[in-house]
Each structure stands twice: as C-alpha cells, then as structure tokens.
Amino acid sequence: MLLIRHKFYTERGYCLNIDKYKKNLKTEIVAGVTSFFAISYIIIINPLILADAGIPVDFSIFATIIISVIGCLLIGFWADAPLVITPGMGVNALFTYTVVGSMGFNWREALAISMAASIIFAFVACSRLSVFFADNIPKSLKCGITAGIGLFLVEIGLEKGGLIVRGTNSLVALAPLQNAALLTIFGLLLSLALYLRKVNGCFFIAIVITSIIGIVMGMDSSLPVNVDLGRLSAYGSVVWQMDFSAVLSFRFWLAVFSMAMLLIFDTMGILEGLLPNKDKFKKSFAGTSIISILSSIFGTSPAIAAAESAAGITSGGRGGMTAITAGIMFFLSLFFVPFLAYVPQAAVAPVIIITGMIMLNQLKNVDFADFTEWFPAFMMVIMIPLSGSVSAGMAFGFVLFPLLKIFVGKARQVNSLIYILGFLFLLDLFFNSSK
C-alpha cells in the first residue's frame, strides 16, 4: 500500500525529496543570514539620516527593525521571494533632505506624504499600470535617478564623516584631517578591502571594528541618546503620527508625486535586476508597496527591497525562506540595540559613501552614444546632490528628455506618459524654486 501511495504522489510531482529539501533549506537559511549582515548597517544609518528630519533616533531604530521584520516575513511567506525589505537608502534621503529639508515639512507631515505616495505606489503595483510603467519609462531615466541619489549619498557620507565642509570660495571644501576624518578614512579603506574580498557582512564588520577604534580614541558616539531596549515601551510615540493638515496644499501633492515616482522606479529597477525567477515580480512588487504603506504607520521612511539582497541570492537564495531568515535575524537584532550607543558617526559614514558609489554603477546601463539619452540622465546625477533635492534633480531629467527628443525630430518616439510626467515635474521644479 505504501509503495502504491509513493508511486501515486511521485507520478504527480507530489513526492517530497527529503534530502533535497534539507539541502535547499540549509542554503536558504545561509542566504538569509548573508543578506541580513549585508544590509544590517541600515539599523544604524537609517536612523541617522531620519534624525536630520527630527525623528528621535532611538525610536527610529526600533521602527527600522520592526518594519524590516514585517517586510521580510511578508515578502517571504506571500511572494516566496529571496528579498530583504528595509527602509530604502535614497528614499530616506528624499524624505529627510527634500521633503523636510528643502520643502519645509515637519517629520509628521513627511510621514503623511510617505503614506499618500505609498498608496499611489500600491495602486500602480497592484494593477496593470505596473507593466505600463515598466515598458514606457526609459531605462536611462531610471538609471539616472538611482545614480543621482547615489552621488547624493556620497556627499552626505563625506559630510557626516568630517571629510568635507561648506567652502568659503566654493560649495564644498576639504575639511582638516583631524580625528573624525582620519577614522572615516580608516573605516572607508577597511570597508573597501572587505567588500572587494567579498567577505559576508563586510560593512557590519567594518562598522564594528571602526567603532572599537573610535572608542579607544575617545570619540563621541553618533547616537548620543538612550537606545536601551527598555525604551521600546515608549516607541508608540512615533506610531501612527502622520499629519495630514497640509493635504489640501499644492506642495503636499508635489512632494507625494516625487516620492511616488521614486518608489515606483527604484523598486522596479531593483526587482528587475535581482529576482532570479521573474515570475515572482508581480507579487514582490505588490508586497513591497504594502510594506511601504505600513512604514509610515510605524514611523519610518518607506521600506523597499534592498539591493543588498543580491548577497543572499548570490549565496543560493531562491525562495521565501531566505527573506524569512533575514526577518528573524532583524528581530534578534533588537536585543543588541544598546550596543549602538557606542557607534561613532565616522564608523557609518564609509558605508554611506560606498553604498552611494555602488548606486552610481547604474550609469553603465545608459547609452552614452546617444546624447538625448545620457544628457538628461547625467543632469539628474549632477542636480540631485548640487540642489540637495531628489525631486529637483528628477525634474531636470524628466523635462529635458522629451525636449531633446523633440529637438532632434524624434518627438513621436516619446510616449505620452513621459510628456505628462515631464509637465508635472516642471510644475514641481517651478514651485519649489519659487519658495
């Protein structure tokens, strides 16, 4: 009877190969741990960036961890994809330095803007519009956004690491090579050495070693607040704090538009580049959009799929267990939060710099033989850091792209979506520059 039943399930593909299952499970778990250590620096860096927007650092740490746990578990169980979901680098820069810094919103209003943008993102991701956007947004513009944010992060990292300061005769100038700058240079060289040698958790290891040296040097922590796990009970003060008081203003929806476009294009590019099984794109795209909505509720910038998921995928991760394992690792990291009080800013600045440089790698996908393709993308790369605004930089690219095509008689090659987005970004640019 057992033989007959075994034959029945085998013929229909129901038979579970125990040895293969165990092997795959081990590979998935190792991949999940690898992905976690590759992105673990986000636990420190995301709160540091959001602190510039006014969100309390200790609560921001909890928010970063909690939304990462939820995101990884959801994407693992529902989409069965080997992706790590965390607050996105680049999106947090838009949240802090554009929405709050340039446009003048407070962090509660920025959370409301994030939620509205994430709802638009979810509408696109859960409908046929996802395919429409994927097919009709030029690759050069998508790559330009990623690269421009990357250069912006490099600038932020250099500033936080004490390597550059505001210049008297120029926009920026080289800072005196004092203790903080020297520690940043050491951390940068160490991070690069470990990264190039493909050491798992290279950035995490570099942060730990650089922090220890910083403590020996007597340097102050970059997190001069109480980050004790006991503070978790007070974390509710940043939960559900969205302020929609400005929802009827024109600038509110301009900010929503900019963030929604970034969420859509950034996530789309990451998923297209990372997913080993493209059949999982739709659920992964939709699942990420749902997590980005929840991010606002939990008090942090939108969470998206992390590019560092590539570390786990390269290690053999192919299914949801990779993401689930990463989620469990994020949960366990809660118990190590008190140690973050000893991390100096010079220890995390190198990781911000290298992350930005890696994002610049997207420029290799731009057609530099076609001026009308690379010039708008390059204007994005230059204007995002120079203007200190992600939305302003995006505006230059989306406005210039259709104009240059018109100048060379290729107006019909530009689809209507680009003309609409170009017009909306032009309004965004004029409104923000007139403040």
Protein backbone atom coordinates (compact mmCIF):
# COMPACT_ATOMS: atom_id res chain seq x y z
CA MET A 1 0.00 0.00 0.00
CA LEU A 2 2.84 2.39 0.90
CA LEU A 3 4.57 1.61 -2.41
CA ILE A 4 1.36 2.32 -4.33
CA ARG A 5 0.86 5.62 -2.47
CA HIS A 6 4.51 6.61 -3.08
CA LYS A 7 4.10 5.85 -6.79
CA PHE A 8 0.86 7.88 -6.91
CA TYR A 9 2.46 11.02 -5.42
CA THR A 10 5.68 10.61 -7.39
CA GLU A 11 3.86 10.43 -10.71
CA ARG A 12 2.03 13.67 -9.91
CA GLY A 13 5.05 15.55 -8.61
CA TYR A 14 3.86 15.44 -5.00
CA CYS A 15 6.71 13.37 -3.63
CA LEU A 16 8.99 15.37 -1.30
CA ASN A 17 12.66 14.63 -1.67
CA ILE A 18 13.75 14.90 1.94
CA ASP A 19 17.47 15.11 1.20
CA LYS A 20 16.96 17.82 -1.40
CA TYR A 21 14.59 19.70 0.92
CA LYS A 22 17.13 19.71 3.73
CA LYS A 23 19.87 20.86 1.35
CA ASN A 24 17.74 23.68 -0.05
CA LEU A 25 16.59 24.72 3.42
CA LYS A 26 20.18 24.98 4.63
CA THR A 27 21.12 27.02 1.56
CA GLU A 28 18.15 29.36 2.06
CA ILE A 29 18.98 29.92 5.73
CA VAL A 30 22.63 30.66 4.96
CA ALA A 31 21.49 33.04 2.19
CA GLY A 32 19.13 34.80 4.60
CA VAL A 33 21.85 35.29 7.21
CA THR A 34 24.20 36.56 4.49
CA SER A 35 21.63 39.08 3.25
CA PHE A 36 20.97 40.28 6.78
CA PHE A 37 24.61 41.01 7.52
CA ALA A 38 24.98 42.71 4.12
CA ILE A 39 22.16 45.16 4.97
CA SER A 40 22.48 45.23 8.77
CA TYR A 41 24.12 48.66 8.62
CA ILE A 42 20.67 50.09 7.83
CA ILE A 43 19.77 49.68 11.52
CA ILE A 44 22.28 52.44 12.28
CA ILE A 45 22.33 54.52 9.11
CA ASN A 46 18.59 54.93 8.51
CA PRO A 47 18.00 56.45 11.98
CA LEU A 48 20.98 58.78 11.49
CA ILE A 49 19.54 60.11 8.23
CA LEU A 50 15.99 60.40 9.64
CA ALA A 51 17.38 62.18 12.71
CA ASP A 52 18.12 65.12 10.41
CA ALA A 53 14.37 65.22 9.76
CA GLY A 54 13.65 65.37 13.50
CA ILE A 55 12.59 61.77 14.20
CA PRO A 56 14.04 60.63 17.58
CA VAL A 57 16.96 58.31 16.88
CA ASP A 58 16.12 55.62 19.43
CA PHE A 59 12.53 55.28 18.20
CA SER A 60 13.73 55.35 14.62
CA ILE A 61 16.00 52.38 15.36
CA PHE A 62 13.03 50.39 16.64
CA ALA A 63 10.92 51.45 13.65
CA THR A 64 13.66 50.38 11.22
CA ILE A 65 13.96 46.95 12.83
CA ILE A 66 10.24 46.31 13.26
CA ILE A 67 9.26 47.27 9.69
CA SER A 68 12.16 45.16 8.37
CA VAL A 69 10.89 42.15 10.33
CA ILE A 70 7.36 42.61 9.00
CA GLY A 71 8.55 43.28 5.45
CA CYS A 72 10.85 40.26 5.25
CA LEU A 73 8.22 37.91 6.69
CA LEU A 74 5.51 39.18 4.33
CA ILE A 75 7.65 39.00 1.20
CA GLY A 76 8.88 35.56 2.25
CA PHE A 77 5.54 33.95 3.04
CA TRP A 78 3.41 35.71 0.40
CA ALA A 79 5.71 36.33 -2.57
CA ASP A 80 8.13 33.44 -1.84
CA ALA A 81 10.95 35.75 -2.96
CA PRO A 82 14.53 35.91 -1.58
CA LEU A 83 14.34 39.65 -0.90
CA VAL A 84 15.21 41.66 2.19
CA ILE A 85 12.80 44.54 2.82
CA THR A 86 14.14 47.54 4.76
CA PRO A 87 13.77 51.35 4.69
CA GLY A 88 15.35 52.31 1.40
CA MET A 89 18.57 54.25 1.03
CA GLY A 90 17.70 57.08 -1.30
CA VAL A 91 14.06 57.17 -0.24
CA ASN A 92 15.16 58.17 3.26
CA ALA A 93 17.32 60.89 1.68
CA LEU A 94 14.30 62.22 -0.23
CA PHE A 95 12.23 62.06 2.98
CA THR A 96 14.82 63.98 5.03
CA TYR A 97 16.67 66.33 2.74
CA THR A 98 13.96 67.14 0.20
CA VAL A 99 10.55 66.80 1.83
CA VAL A 100 11.65 68.09 5.25
CA GLY A 101 14.85 69.99 4.45
CA SER A 102 14.00 71.70 1.15
CA MET A 103 10.19 71.77 1.12
CA GLY A 104 9.80 72.73 4.78
CA PHE A 105 7.50 69.97 6.05
CA ASN A 106 7.96 68.53 9.54
CA TRP A 107 8.57 64.81 10.02
CA ARG A 108 4.94 64.04 10.86
CA GLU A 109 3.78 65.72 7.66
CA ALA A 110 6.54 63.83 5.81
CA LEU A 111 5.12 60.55 7.15
CA ALA A 112 1.71 61.57 5.76
CA ILE A 113 3.35 62.33 2.40
CA SER A 114 5.07 58.94 2.53
CA MET A 115 1.76 57.19 3.14
CA ALA A 116 0.00 59.01 0.29
CA ALA A 117 2.90 58.24 -2.06
CA SER A 118 2.92 54.61 -0.96
CA ILE A 119 -0.80 54.28 -1.64
CA ILE A 120 -0.19 55.53 -5.20
CA PHE A 121 2.72 53.08 -5.41
CA ALA A 122 0.41 50.25 -4.27
CA PHE A 123 -2.24 51.25 -6.83
CA VAL A 124 0.33 51.05 -9.60
CA ALA A 125 1.92 47.84 -8.28
CA CYS A 126 -1.37 46.00 -7.85
CA SER A 127 -2.75 46.94 -11.27
CA ARG A 128 -1.75 46.67 -14.92
CA LEU A 129 -0.08 50.04 -14.58
CA SER A 130 3.00 48.25 -13.24
CA VAL A 131 3.60 46.73 -16.67
CA PHE A 132 2.76 50.04 -18.37
CA PHE A 133 5.33 51.93 -16.29
CA ALA A 134 7.95 49.21 -16.74
CA ASP A 135 7.56 49.31 -20.51
CA ASN A 136 7.32 53.07 -21.02
CA ILE A 137 9.83 54.69 -18.68
CA PRO A 138 13.20 54.98 -20.48
CA LYS A 139 15.97 52.97 -18.88
CA SER A 140 18.29 55.98 -18.94
CA LEU A 141 15.95 57.95 -16.67
CA LYS A 142 15.52 55.08 -14.20
CA CYS A 143 19.29 54.63 -14.07
CA GLY A 144 19.82 58.38 -13.71
CA ILE A 145 17.57 58.52 -10.64
CA THR A 146 19.45 55.71 -8.91
CA ALA A 147 22.87 57.13 -9.80
CA GLY A 148 21.90 60.67 -8.78
CA ILE A 149 20.71 59.52 -5.37
CA GLY A 150 23.94 57.54 -5.11
CA LEU A 151 26.06 60.67 -5.62
CA PHE A 152 23.86 62.48 -3.11
CA LEU A 153 24.56 59.76 -0.54
CA VAL A 154 28.28 60.04 -1.24
CA GLU A 155 28.09 63.76 -0.45
CA ILE A 156 26.15 63.06 2.77
CA GLY A 157 28.63 60.38 3.82
CA LEU A 158 31.63 62.65 3.22
CA GLU A 159 29.99 65.38 5.27
CA LYS A 160 28.98 63.09 8.15
CA GLY A 161 32.47 61.61 8.16
CA GLY A 162 34.07 65.04 8.55
CA LEU A 163 35.88 64.90 5.20
CA ILE A 164 34.16 67.88 3.58
CA VAL A 165 32.71 71.14 4.88
CA ARG A 166 30.92 74.12 3.38
CA GLY A 167 33.52 76.12 1.48
CA THR A 168 34.15 79.86 1.63
CA ASN A 169 35.13 80.19 -2.04
CA SER A 170 33.31 77.08 -3.27
CA LEU A 171 30.26 74.98 -2.48
CA VAL A 172 32.33 72.45 -0.53
CA ALA A 173 35.91 72.23 0.66
CA LEU A 174 38.19 69.58 2.11
CA ALA A 175 37.94 69.52 5.89
CA PRO A 176 41.00 69.46 8.17
CA LEU A 177 42.20 65.88 8.56
CA GLN A 178 41.52 65.58 12.27
CA ASN A 179 40.47 62.57 14.38
CA ALA A 180 36.98 62.12 12.90
CA ALA A 181 38.20 62.46 9.31
CA LEU A 182 41.11 60.08 9.91
CA LEU A 183 38.80 57.48 11.46
CA THR A 184 36.45 57.85 8.49
CA ILE A 185 39.35 57.24 6.07
CA PHE A 186 40.37 54.15 8.03
CA GLY A 187 36.79 52.86 8.02
CA LEU A 188 36.49 53.54 4.31
CA LEU A 189 39.67 51.62 3.47
CA LEU A 190 38.67 48.74 5.73
CA SER A 191 35.15 48.59 4.27
CA LEU A 192 36.53 48.62 0.72
CA ALA A 193 39.04 45.87 1.50
CA LEU A 194 36.37 43.60 2.98
CA TYR A 195 33.86 44.43 0.25
CA LEU A 196 36.29 43.72 -2.59
CA ARG A 197 37.27 40.43 -0.98
CA LYS A 198 33.54 39.55 -0.86
CA VAL A 199 33.51 38.98 2.91
CA ASN A 200 29.99 38.24 4.15
CA GLY A 201 28.74 41.06 6.35
CA CYS A 202 31.66 43.23 5.25
CA PHE A 203 30.01 46.56 6.14
CA PHE A 204 28.79 45.29 9.51
CA ILE A 205 32.28 44.02 10.38
CA ALA A 206 33.85 47.32 9.30
CA ILE A 207 31.41 49.32 11.45
CA VAL A 208 32.19 47.17 14.50
CA ILE A 209 35.99 47.40 14.09
CA THR A 210 35.94 51.13 13.35
CA SER A 211 33.64 51.73 16.33
CA ILE A 212 36.04 49.90 18.66
CA ILE A 213 38.92 52.05 17.43
CA GLY A 214 36.75 55.14 17.86
CA ILE A 215 36.01 54.18 21.46
CA VAL A 216 39.73 53.71 22.14
CA MET A 217 40.34 57.16 20.62
CA GLY A 218 37.71 58.60 22.95
CA MET A 219 35.40 59.75 20.18
CA ASP A 220 31.76 60.57 20.93
CA SER A 221 29.00 58.29 19.73
CA SER A 222 26.88 59.30 16.76
CA LEU A 223 23.85 58.19 18.79
CA PRO A 224 24.04 60.29 21.97
CA VAL A 225 20.61 59.10 23.16
CA ASN A 226 19.11 56.35 25.24
CA VAL A 227 18.80 53.35 22.92
CA ASP A 228 18.12 50.87 25.71
CA LEU A 229 15.70 48.07 24.79
CA GLY A 230 13.59 49.25 27.73
CA ARG A 231 12.71 52.31 25.65
CA LEU A 232 10.69 50.07 23.33
CA SER A 233 7.65 50.64 25.55
CA ALA A 234 7.74 54.35 24.64
CA TYR A 235 8.14 53.66 20.92
CA GLY A 236 4.41 54.19 20.45
CA SER A 237 5.02 57.94 20.43
CA VAL A 238 6.07 57.76 16.77
CA VAL A 239 3.48 55.16 15.69
CA TRP A 240 0.54 56.47 13.65
CA GLN A 241 1.86 60.05 13.80
CA MET A 242 1.06 61.07 10.21
CA ASP A 243 -0.05 64.71 9.98
CA PHE A 244 -2.38 65.36 7.03
CA SER A 245 -3.02 69.01 7.89
CA ALA A 246 -1.31 70.12 4.65
CA VAL A 247 -3.16 67.63 2.44
CA LEU A 248 -5.07 70.36 0.60
CA SER A 249 -1.91 72.28 -0.34
CA PHE A 250 -0.37 72.07 -3.78
CA ARG A 251 3.15 71.47 -2.43
CA PHE A 252 1.91 68.46 -0.42
CA TRP A 253 0.90 66.69 -3.62
CA LEU A 254 4.07 67.75 -5.41
CA ALA A 255 6.03 66.01 -2.64
CA VAL A 256 3.73 62.99 -2.91
CA PHE A 257 4.29 62.86 -6.65
CA SER A 258 8.09 62.97 -6.31
CA MET A 259 8.19 60.25 -3.67
CA ALA A 260 5.71 58.02 -5.52
CA MET A 261 7.78 58.21 -8.70
CA LEU A 262 10.94 57.34 -6.77
CA LEU A 263 9.28 54.39 -5.03
CA ILE A 264 7.92 53.00 -8.30
CA PHE A 265 11.07 53.40 -10.38
CA ASP A 266 13.54 52.41 -7.66
CA THR A 267 11.63 49.27 -6.68
CA MET A 268 11.01 48.32 -10.28
CA GLY A 269 14.69 48.61 -11.12
CA ILE A 270 15.81 46.59 -8.09
CA LEU A 271 13.33 43.77 -8.68
CA GLU A 272 14.09 43.56 -12.40
CA GLY A 273 17.79 43.33 -11.62
CA LEU A 274 17.67 40.93 -8.66
CA LEU A 275 14.88 38.39 -8.91
CA PRO A 276 16.21 35.04 -10.18
CA ASN A 277 12.63 33.99 -11.02
CA LYS A 278 10.88 36.79 -12.93
CA ASP A 279 7.51 35.10 -12.32
CA LYS A 280 7.75 36.41 -8.75
CA PHE A 281 7.98 40.04 -9.88
CA LYS A 282 4.26 40.85 -9.64
CA LYS A 283 3.77 39.60 -6.07
CA SER A 284 7.10 41.05 -4.95
CA PHE A 285 6.23 44.44 -6.44
CA ALA A 286 2.77 44.46 -4.83
CA GLY A 287 4.08 43.16 -1.49
CA THR A 288 6.76 45.84 -1.34
CA SER A 289 4.16 48.54 -1.92
CA ILE A 290 2.06 47.28 1.01
CA ILE A 291 5.10 47.37 3.29
CA SER A 292 5.87 50.93 2.20
CA ILE A 293 2.39 51.94 3.41
CA LEU A 294 2.95 50.24 6.77
CA SER A 295 6.29 52.05 7.12
CA SER A 296 4.54 55.38 7.63
CA ILE A 297 2.33 53.87 10.31
CA PHE A 298 5.36 52.54 12.18
CA GLY A 299 7.20 55.87 11.98
CA THR A 300 9.87 55.50 9.33
CA SER A 301 10.54 56.28 5.67
CA PRO A 302 9.18 53.77 3.12
CA ALA A 303 10.68 50.29 3.13
CA ILE A 304 11.54 48.71 -0.21
CA ALA A 305 13.56 45.75 -1.47
CA ALA A 306 17.23 46.24 -0.59
CA ALA A 307 19.86 45.95 -3.30
CA GLU A 308 21.93 44.02 -0.74
CA SER A 309 19.51 41.13 -1.25
CA ALA A 310 21.93 40.26 -4.04
CA ALA A 311 24.34 38.93 -1.39
CA GLY A 312 21.87 36.24 -0.37
CA ILE A 313 20.79 35.48 -3.91
CA THR A 314 24.41 35.03 -4.93
CA SER A 315 24.74 32.62 -1.98
CA GLY A 316 21.97 30.45 -3.42
CA GLY A 317 18.80 32.02 -2.04
CA ARG A 318 15.88 31.39 -4.37
CA GLY A 319 12.77 31.28 -2.19
CA GLY A 320 10.92 32.90 0.65
CA MET A 321 12.90 31.14 3.38
CA THR A 322 15.80 33.50 2.60
CA ALA A 323 13.62 36.51 3.41
CA ILE A 324 12.06 34.81 6.45
CA THR A 325 15.51 34.04 7.87
CA ALA A 326 16.57 37.66 7.37
CA GLY A 327 13.40 38.76 9.17
CA ILE A 328 14.22 36.54 12.14
CA MET A 329 17.74 37.99 12.23
CA PHE A 330 16.31 41.52 12.30
CA PHE A 331 14.11 40.52 15.25
CA LEU A 332 17.10 39.10 17.14
CA SER A 333 18.99 42.34 16.50
CA LEU A 334 16.55 44.09 18.86
CA PHE A 335 18.45 42.58 21.77
CA PHE A 336 21.70 44.18 20.60
CA VAL A 337 20.29 47.69 20.23
CA PRO A 338 22.05 49.03 23.40
CA PHE A 339 25.42 48.48 21.73
CA LEU A 340 24.53 51.06 19.06
CA ALA A 341 25.18 53.80 21.62
CA TYR A 342 28.90 53.17 21.11
CA VAL A 343 28.93 53.66 17.32
CA PRO A 344 30.63 56.92 16.21
CA GLN A 345 29.45 58.74 13.10
CA ALA A 346 32.82 58.17 11.44
CA ALA A 347 32.12 54.42 11.56
CA VAL A 348 28.94 54.59 9.49
CA ALA A 349 29.95 57.37 7.06
CA PRO A 350 32.14 54.99 4.96
CA VAL A 351 29.19 52.67 4.40
CA ILE A 352 27.03 55.56 3.20
CA ILE A 353 29.81 56.59 0.80
CA ILE A 354 30.30 53.08 -0.63
CA THR A 355 26.56 52.47 -0.92
CA GLY A 356 26.26 55.65 -2.95
CA MET A 357 29.17 54.66 -5.17
CA ILE A 358 27.56 51.26 -5.83
CA MET A 359 24.36 53.03 -6.89
CA LEU A 360 26.40 55.09 -9.37
CA ASN A 361 27.19 51.82 -11.11
CA GLN A 362 23.77 52.09 -12.79
CA LEU A 363 25.27 54.57 -15.25
CA LYS A 364 26.79 51.65 -17.14
CA ASN A 365 23.28 50.90 -18.45
CA VAL A 366 22.92 54.34 -20.05
CA ASP A 367 23.55 54.65 -23.79
CA PHE A 368 26.39 57.19 -23.90
CA ALA A 369 26.44 57.01 -27.70
CA ASP A 370 23.09 58.86 -27.76
CA PHE A 371 23.29 62.42 -26.40
CA THR A 372 19.50 62.62 -25.99
CA GLU A 373 19.64 59.60 -23.68
CA TRP A 374 22.65 60.29 -21.48
CA PHE A 375 22.41 64.07 -21.07
CA PRO A 376 19.05 64.06 -19.17
CA ALA A 377 20.31 61.17 -17.02
CA PHE A 378 23.57 62.96 -16.27
CA MET A 379 21.70 66.16 -15.35
CA MET A 380 19.84 64.10 -12.76
CA VAL A 381 23.13 62.80 -11.38
CA ILE A 382 24.55 66.32 -11.07
CA MET A 383 21.47 68.24 -9.94
CA ILE A 384 20.29 65.89 -7.17
CA PRO A 385 23.37 66.46 -4.95
CA LEU A 386 24.00 70.08 -6.06
CA SER A 387 20.43 71.16 -5.39
CA GLY A 388 20.11 68.98 -2.30
CA SER A 389 16.76 67.82 -3.65
CA VAL A 390 15.96 64.46 -5.21
CA SER A 391 12.74 65.78 -6.74
CA ALA A 392 14.52 68.77 -8.33
CA GLY A 393 17.13 66.50 -9.89
CA MET A 394 14.45 64.14 -11.20
CA ALA A 395 12.62 67.15 -12.65
CA PHE A 396 15.63 68.16 -14.77
CA GLY A 397 15.85 64.68 -16.26
CA PHE A 398 12.15 64.21 -17.00
CA VAL A 399 11.79 67.69 -18.50
CA LEU A 400 14.92 67.52 -20.65
CA PHE A 401 14.32 64.02 -22.03
CA PRO A 402 11.23 64.83 -24.16
CA LEU A 403 12.62 68.27 -25.11
CA LEU A 404 15.83 66.80 -26.52
CA LYS A 405 13.88 64.19 -28.45
CA ILE A 406 11.76 66.98 -29.95
CA PHE A 407 14.91 68.93 -30.90
CA VAL A 408 16.23 66.00 -32.97
CA GLY A 409 12.87 65.25 -34.61
CA LYS A 410 12.06 62.17 -32.52
CA ALA A 411 9.00 63.54 -30.72
CA ARG A 412 6.85 60.60 -31.82
CA GLN A 413 9.28 58.16 -30.22
CA VAL A 414 8.39 59.59 -26.79
CA ASN A 415 5.24 58.10 -25.31
CA SER A 416 2.52 60.25 -23.75
CA LEU A 417 3.43 59.14 -20.20
CA ILE A 418 6.82 60.88 -20.44
CA TYR A 419 5.20 64.11 -21.63
CA ILE A 420 2.74 64.03 -18.72
CA LEU A 421 5.45 63.27 -16.16
CA GLY A 422 7.69 65.95 -17.69
CA PHE A 423 4.94 68.55 -17.29
CA LEU A 424 4.25 67.53 -13.69
CA PHE A 425 7.95 67.61 -12.82
CA LEU A 426 8.21 71.06 -14.45
CA LEU A 427 5.45 72.31 -12.13
CA ASP A 428 7.30 70.70 -9.21
CA LEU A 429 10.54 72.44 -10.22
CA PHE A 430 8.99 75.89 -10.62
CA PHE A 431 7.01 75.67 -7.40
CA ASN A 432 9.96 74.61 -5.26
CA SER A 433 12.39 77.11 -6.83
CA SER A 434 9.98 79.98 -6.14
CA LYS A 435 9.90 79.39 -2.39
